[in-house]
Amino acid sequence: MSVYTVVEENQLVAFLEDYDVGTLDSFEGISAGIENTNYFVNTIKHGQLEQFVLTIFEHHTIEELPYFLNIMAFMAEHNIPTAHPMPTHSNGYLKELCGKPAALVERLVGKTVDDPSVIQCGVMGGQLARFHMAGQNYEEIRANDRDIDWMQATFEDIKSHLSNEECQIIESEFEFQSQTDWAHLPKGVIHADLFCDNAMFNGDTLTGIIDLYYACNAPMLYDLAVMVNDWCRIHAANPAEIEFDQARVDAMLSAYQTQRSLTDTEQAAWPAALRLAALRFFLSRLKDKHIPREGEMTQIKDPDVFKRVLQLHRSS
């Protein structure tokens, strides 16, 4: 993620003393993404190199964070490939660094994919269903803080910066979404941000689902739609050229339903879910573009990508 908080070496050395991870070898900031500060951290323990990711939370309070870290541990312990957070000597997962909450998690092997294959989309469909089913036994509850209410509030914050066309698209989409009964769709723990850059692969083997800091309890169908909108579209330099690869869509949906079948209500709501997922990221990217946060390294993602995705779903 972008680096908003700069960590000095002596600060990190002191931070690591509360973990059984050896001594600091090296560290570097991670520039991808937009929400939290992340560093790769390497340590030496008993002569062996150990690799971790340090996350400094820029927006969540220390009271909110156990939900996310406990989910990561829960999923890892239920054979869902996620990065297990490292416990401190006091057995918690959270510490303070630079005056902000921070956590150290294991660094997973593999790499993210920019242009996923049909096979990889199938793998993700099946794994998301397993994630959803495992999450049915996770007892903590957190509401979705990027729900339709957040979208409407965000639109109010930024609409003075938007074109008439953008305002018309967003306003008409809110009207359309009001016709879907989201409250009665099957709910559970969802990732809520499972883009291509939040999954690690070694070839066609999924080695890890990462960045669970939007996880919440919400309709599982929405989670699947978020993933389809990113994994199954044909990425293009020009957003106007973006299209969906039906073979990827079919592979993802089929694999998901081999693990968890969609209900009749979910199938009826599927077009609306695709549109809602597109609207959420269209709005968040517009906000980052027009009201950017300052950071040592920043990456602002193009909102026109999800404008195009939304337009495709609206026209289908």
Protein backbone atom coordinates (compact mmCIF):
# COMPACT_ATOMS: atom_id res chain seq x y z
CA MET A 1 0.00 0.00 0.00
CA SER A 2 1.06 3.62 -0.27
CA VAL A 3 3.43 4.84 2.42
CA TYR A 4 1.82 7.57 4.52
CA THR A 5 3.84 6.93 7.68
CA VAL A 6 7.64 6.87 7.40
CA VAL A 7 9.28 4.44 9.83
CA GLU A 8 12.88 4.90 10.94
CA GLU A 9 15.11 1.88 11.49
CA ASN A 10 15.48 2.44 15.23
CA GLN A 11 11.68 2.60 15.58
CA LEU A 12 11.25 -0.69 13.75
CA VAL A 13 14.00 -2.40 15.79
CA ALA A 14 12.22 -1.40 19.00
CA PHE A 15 8.85 -2.53 17.59
CA LEU A 16 10.18 -5.99 16.69
CA GLU A 17 11.50 -6.62 20.20
CA ASP A 18 7.98 -7.61 21.24
CA TYR A 19 7.88 -10.43 18.65
CA ASP A 20 9.68 -13.76 18.47
CA VAL A 21 10.95 -13.06 14.95
CA GLY A 22 14.68 -12.51 15.39
CA THR A 23 16.55 -9.31 14.53
CA LEU A 24 15.94 -6.81 11.75
CA ASP A 25 17.82 -7.47 8.52
CA SER A 26 16.16 -5.04 6.08
CA PHE A 27 12.89 -3.29 5.27
CA GLU A 28 11.32 -1.31 2.45
CA GLY A 29 8.05 0.49 1.76
CA ILE A 30 5.45 -1.04 -0.55
CA SER A 31 4.04 1.43 -3.08
CA ALA A 32 1.05 -0.53 -4.46
CA GLY A 33 -2.46 0.25 -3.26
CA ILE A 34 -3.98 3.25 -1.53
CA GLU A 35 -5.28 2.57 2.01
CA ASN A 36 -2.66 1.68 4.63
CA THR A 37 1.09 1.94 5.03
CA ASN A 38 2.89 -1.34 4.33
CA TYR A 39 6.51 -2.40 4.52
CA PHE A 40 8.30 -5.61 3.61
CA VAL A 41 10.31 -6.58 6.70
CA ASN A 42 13.09 -9.18 6.70
CA THR A 43 14.58 -10.56 9.90
CA ILE A 44 17.25 -13.11 10.82
CA LYS A 45 16.29 -15.80 13.34
CA HIS A 46 18.68 -18.63 14.20
CA GLY A 47 20.65 -17.78 11.08
CA GLN A 48 17.59 -18.06 8.81
CA LEU A 49 15.89 -15.31 6.83
CA GLU A 50 12.29 -14.65 7.90
CA GLN A 51 9.96 -12.50 5.80
CA PHE A 52 6.97 -10.45 6.97
CA VAL A 53 4.67 -7.61 6.00
CA LEU A 54 4.26 -4.74 8.45
CA THR A 55 0.98 -2.83 8.19
CA ILE A 56 0.40 0.54 9.83
CA PHE A 57 -3.30 1.32 9.87
CA GLU A 58 -4.11 4.83 8.71
CA HIS A 59 -7.89 4.84 9.15
CA HIS A 60 -8.97 2.05 11.50
CA THR A 61 -9.01 2.49 15.26
CA ILE A 62 -7.32 0.01 17.54
CA GLU A 63 -10.79 -1.10 18.70
CA GLU A 64 -11.83 -2.06 15.14
CA LEU A 65 -8.74 -4.01 14.17
CA PRO A 66 -9.05 -7.27 16.15
CA TYR A 67 -11.96 -8.24 13.86
CA PHE A 68 -9.70 -8.22 10.80
CA LEU A 69 -6.66 -9.82 12.39
CA ASN A 70 -8.73 -12.52 14.05
CA ILE A 71 -10.35 -13.31 10.68
CA MET A 72 -6.92 -13.69 9.10
CA ALA A 73 -5.88 -16.10 11.82
CA PHE A 74 -9.24 -17.92 11.71
CA MET A 75 -9.09 -18.44 7.94
CA ALA A 76 -5.47 -19.59 8.02
CA GLU A 77 -6.35 -22.07 10.76
CA HIS A 78 -9.28 -23.35 8.64
CA ASN A 79 -7.11 -24.07 5.60
CA ILE A 80 -8.03 -20.93 3.68
CA PRO A 81 -4.73 -19.53 2.37
CA THR A 82 -4.32 -16.24 4.24
CA ALA A 83 -1.38 -14.57 5.97
CA HIS A 84 -1.43 -15.43 9.67
CA PRO A 85 -0.70 -12.41 11.92
CA MET A 86 2.25 -12.77 14.27
CA PRO A 87 1.48 -12.69 18.00
CA THR A 88 3.35 -10.37 20.31
CA HIS A 89 4.90 -11.68 23.52
CA SER A 90 1.64 -10.71 25.23
CA ASN A 91 -0.22 -12.89 22.65
CA GLY A 92 -2.06 -10.02 20.97
CA TYR A 93 -1.75 -9.22 17.28
CA LEU A 94 -1.68 -5.42 17.60
CA LYS A 95 0.97 -2.93 18.69
CA GLU A 96 1.50 0.79 18.27
CA LEU A 97 4.10 2.19 15.89
CA CYS A 98 4.59 5.89 15.16
CA GLY A 99 1.50 6.59 17.23
CA LYS A 100 -0.72 4.35 15.08
CA PRO A 101 -1.98 0.75 15.31
CA ALA A 102 0.27 -1.74 13.54
CA ALA A 103 0.51 -5.47 12.92
CA LEU A 104 3.12 -7.87 11.60
CA VAL A 105 1.94 -10.75 9.39
CA GLU A 106 3.74 -13.54 7.61
CA ARG A 107 4.77 -12.77 4.04
CA LEU A 108 3.28 -15.27 1.62
CA VAL A 109 5.12 -16.86 -1.28
CA GLY A 110 4.01 -16.29 -4.86
CA LYS A 111 2.99 -13.13 -6.65
CA THR A 112 -0.13 -11.31 -7.75
CA VAL A 113 -1.40 -11.64 -11.31
CA ASP A 114 -2.16 -8.74 -13.63
CA ASP A 115 -4.02 -10.70 -16.31
CA PRO A 116 -5.54 -13.83 -14.73
CA SER A 117 -6.18 -16.95 -16.75
CA VAL A 118 -9.45 -18.86 -17.00
CA ILE A 119 -7.93 -21.48 -14.70
CA GLN A 120 -6.94 -18.90 -12.09
CA CYS A 121 -10.44 -17.39 -12.19
CA GLY A 122 -11.85 -20.83 -11.53
CA VAL A 123 -9.47 -21.29 -8.60
CA MET A 124 -10.59 -17.98 -7.12
CA GLY A 125 -14.27 -18.82 -7.52
CA GLY A 126 -13.84 -22.04 -5.59
CA GLN A 127 -11.68 -20.45 -2.90
CA LEU A 128 -14.08 -17.56 -2.36
CA ALA A 129 -16.90 -20.03 -1.77
CA ARG A 130 -14.72 -21.91 0.74
CA PHE A 131 -13.90 -18.56 2.41
CA HIS A 132 -17.63 -17.78 2.67
CA MET A 133 -18.50 -21.18 4.09
CA ALA A 134 -15.69 -21.09 6.65
CA GLY A 135 -16.80 -17.62 7.67
CA GLN A 136 -20.22 -18.91 8.68
CA ASN A 137 -18.52 -20.15 11.86
CA TYR A 138 -16.76 -16.85 12.62
CA GLU A 139 -18.60 -15.32 15.54
CA GLU A 140 -17.49 -11.68 15.47
CA ILE A 141 -19.67 -9.22 13.54
CA ARG A 142 -18.72 -6.04 11.68
CA ALA A 143 -21.02 -3.99 9.46
CA ASN A 144 -19.93 -3.04 5.95
CA ASP A 145 -18.51 0.50 6.18
CA ARG A 146 -18.54 0.80 2.37
CA ASP A 147 -22.26 0.07 1.99
CA ILE A 148 -24.87 2.07 0.06
CA ASP A 149 -25.06 4.66 2.85
CA TRP A 150 -21.31 5.27 2.55
CA MET A 151 -21.64 5.50 -1.22
CA GLN A 152 -24.35 8.15 -0.94
CA ALA A 153 -22.36 10.14 1.62
CA THR A 154 -19.25 9.94 -0.55
CA PHE A 155 -21.20 11.17 -3.55
CA GLU A 156 -22.38 14.19 -1.54
CA ASP A 157 -18.75 14.93 -0.60
CA ILE A 158 -17.42 14.85 -4.14
CA LYS A 159 -20.25 15.70 -6.51
CA SER A 160 -19.16 19.33 -6.86
CA HIS A 161 -15.98 17.96 -8.51
CA LEU A 162 -17.83 15.69 -10.94
CA SER A 163 -19.09 16.17 -14.48
CA ASN A 164 -22.81 16.26 -15.23
CA GLU A 165 -22.48 12.87 -16.91
CA GLU A 166 -20.86 11.31 -13.84
CA CYS A 167 -23.52 12.77 -11.56
CA GLN A 168 -26.32 11.47 -13.76
CA ILE A 169 -24.84 7.95 -13.87
CA ILE A 170 -24.41 7.82 -10.09
CA GLU A 171 -27.80 9.30 -9.25
CA SER A 172 -29.65 6.94 -11.60
CA GLU A 173 -27.71 4.00 -10.16
CA PHE A 174 -28.78 4.89 -6.63
CA GLU A 175 -32.37 4.87 -7.87
CA PHE A 176 -31.89 1.44 -9.46
CA GLN A 177 -30.21 -0.02 -6.37
CA SER A 178 -33.09 1.09 -4.15
CA GLN A 179 -35.22 -1.53 -5.90
CA THR A 180 -33.10 -4.46 -4.65
CA ASP A 181 -33.80 -5.99 -1.24
CA TRP A 182 -30.20 -6.39 -0.05
CA ALA A 183 -31.26 -7.03 3.56
CA HIS A 184 -32.64 -10.49 2.81
CA LEU A 185 -29.80 -11.94 0.75
CA PRO A 186 -27.61 -14.60 2.46
CA LYS A 187 -24.92 -12.90 4.53
CA GLY A 188 -21.61 -13.91 6.03
CA VAL A 189 -18.00 -12.81 6.32
CA ILE A 190 -16.88 -11.27 3.04
CA HIS A 191 -13.49 -10.03 1.89
CA ALA A 192 -15.09 -7.03 0.09
CA ASP A 193 -11.93 -6.11 -1.84
CA LEU A 194 -10.71 -9.31 -3.50
CA PHE A 195 -9.05 -7.77 -6.54
CA CYS A 196 -6.25 -9.39 -8.51
CA ASP A 197 -3.67 -7.57 -6.38
CA ASN A 198 -5.08 -9.14 -3.21
CA ALA A 199 -4.36 -12.76 -4.12
CA MET A 200 -0.98 -14.48 -4.48
CA PHE A 201 -0.35 -17.28 -6.95
CA ASN A 202 2.46 -19.72 -7.66
CA GLY A 203 1.56 -20.76 -11.20
CA ASP A 204 -2.09 -21.79 -11.00
CA THR A 205 -1.93 -22.52 -7.26
CA LEU A 206 -3.39 -19.91 -4.93
CA THR A 207 -0.86 -19.28 -2.16
CA GLY A 208 -2.65 -16.53 -0.30
CA ILE A 209 -5.57 -14.13 0.00
CA ILE A 210 -4.29 -10.86 1.44
CA ASP A 211 -5.46 -7.43 2.64
CA LEU A 212 -8.59 -8.36 4.58
CA TYR A 213 -8.98 -4.88 6.06
CA TYR A 214 -12.36 -4.27 4.41
CA ALA A 215 -13.73 -7.61 5.62
CA CYS A 216 -17.20 -7.39 7.11
CA ASN A 217 -20.53 -9.17 7.40
CA ALA A 218 -22.55 -8.50 4.27
CA PRO A 219 -24.26 -10.29 1.35
CA MET A 220 -21.92 -12.95 -0.01
CA LEU A 221 -23.23 -12.29 -3.52
CA TYR A 222 -21.74 -8.78 -3.41
CA ASP A 223 -18.31 -10.26 -2.64
CA LEU A 224 -18.54 -12.52 -5.68
CA ALA A 225 -19.54 -9.54 -7.83
CA VAL A 226 -16.55 -7.49 -6.62
CA MET A 227 -14.26 -10.32 -7.68
CA VAL A 228 -15.89 -10.91 -11.08
CA ASN A 229 -15.66 -7.19 -11.89
CA ASP A 230 -11.88 -7.24 -11.51
CA TRP A 231 -10.74 -10.78 -12.33
CA CYS A 232 -12.97 -11.37 -15.35
CA ARG A 233 -12.59 -8.15 -17.26
CA ILE A 234 -10.10 -7.77 -20.10
CA HIS A 235 -7.66 -5.18 -18.82
CA ALA A 236 -6.85 -2.44 -21.32
CA ALA A 237 -4.73 0.71 -21.25
CA ASN A 238 -7.77 2.67 -22.43
CA PRO A 239 -10.77 2.21 -20.11
CA ALA A 240 -13.12 2.62 -23.07
CA GLU A 241 -11.76 -0.66 -24.44
CA ILE A 242 -12.51 -2.72 -21.32
CA GLU A 243 -14.74 -5.74 -21.89
CA PHE A 244 -15.57 -8.91 -19.96
CA ASP A 245 -14.17 -12.32 -20.84
CA GLN A 246 -17.17 -14.63 -20.64
CA ALA A 247 -14.95 -17.71 -20.30
CA ARG A 248 -13.45 -16.26 -17.11
CA VAL A 249 -16.88 -15.29 -15.78
CA ASP A 250 -18.24 -18.79 -16.45
CA ALA A 251 -15.21 -20.44 -14.83
CA MET A 252 -15.45 -18.29 -11.70
CA LEU A 253 -19.21 -18.69 -11.23
CA SER A 254 -19.16 -22.41 -11.97
CA ALA A 255 -16.30 -23.08 -9.54
CA TYR A 256 -17.99 -20.99 -6.84
CA GLN A 257 -21.21 -22.96 -7.18
CA THR A 258 -19.44 -26.33 -6.97
CA GLN A 259 -18.74 -25.29 -3.35
CA ARG A 260 -21.77 -23.12 -2.55
CA SER A 261 -24.88 -22.89 -4.73
CA LEU A 262 -26.47 -19.48 -5.22
CA THR A 263 -30.07 -19.24 -4.04
CA ASP A 264 -32.87 -18.23 -6.40
CA THR A 265 -32.95 -14.82 -4.72
CA GLU A 266 -29.21 -14.37 -5.26
CA GLN A 267 -29.46 -15.35 -8.91
CA ALA A 268 -32.23 -12.78 -9.41
CA ALA A 269 -30.09 -10.10 -7.71
CA TRP A 270 -26.91 -10.91 -9.65
CA PRO A 271 -27.15 -8.06 -12.21
CA ALA A 272 -27.74 -5.57 -9.38
CA ALA A 273 -24.79 -6.98 -7.42
CA LEU A 274 -22.44 -6.46 -10.38
CA ARG A 275 -23.64 -2.88 -10.68
CA LEU A 276 -23.39 -2.16 -6.94
CA ALA A 277 -19.84 -3.51 -6.81
CA ALA A 278 -18.87 -1.32 -9.76
CA LEU A 279 -20.51 1.75 -8.21
CA ARG A 280 -18.65 1.29 -4.93
CA PHE A 281 -15.21 1.35 -6.58
CA PHE A 282 -16.17 4.06 -9.07
CA LEU A 283 -17.04 6.30 -6.11
CA SER A 284 -14.00 5.43 -3.98
CA ARG A 285 -11.66 6.09 -6.90
CA LEU A 286 -13.38 9.37 -7.68
CA LYS A 287 -12.91 10.39 -4.05
CA ASP A 288 -9.21 9.47 -4.13
CA LYS A 289 -8.81 11.45 -7.35
CA HIS A 290 -10.57 14.61 -6.22
CA ILE A 291 -9.83 14.56 -2.47
CA PRO A 292 -6.46 12.74 -2.34
CA ARG A 293 -4.64 11.86 0.85
CA GLU A 294 -1.02 12.82 1.19
CA GLY A 295 1.64 10.12 1.42
CA GLU A 296 5.34 9.49 0.93
CA MET A 297 4.40 7.26 -2.03
CA THR A 298 0.91 7.30 -3.48
CA GLN A 299 -1.01 5.46 -6.16
CA ILE A 300 -4.30 6.88 -7.40
CA LYS A 301 -6.25 4.36 -9.47
CA ASP A 302 -8.24 5.44 -12.52
CA PRO A 303 -11.97 5.86 -11.71
CA ASP A 304 -12.84 5.61 -15.42
CA VAL A 305 -12.14 1.87 -15.23
CA PHE A 306 -15.15 1.35 -12.99
CA LYS A 307 -17.19 3.95 -14.83
CA ARG A 308 -16.77 1.69 -17.87
CA VAL A 309 -17.53 -1.46 -15.85
CA LEU A 310 -20.71 0.15 -14.50
CA GLN A 311 -21.74 1.27 -17.97
CA LEU A 312 -21.22 -2.25 -19.33
CA HIS A 313 -23.47 -3.75 -16.65
CA ARG A 314 -26.09 -1.02 -17.09
CA SER A 315 -26.30 -1.73 -20.80
CA SER A 316 -26.50 -5.52 -20.53
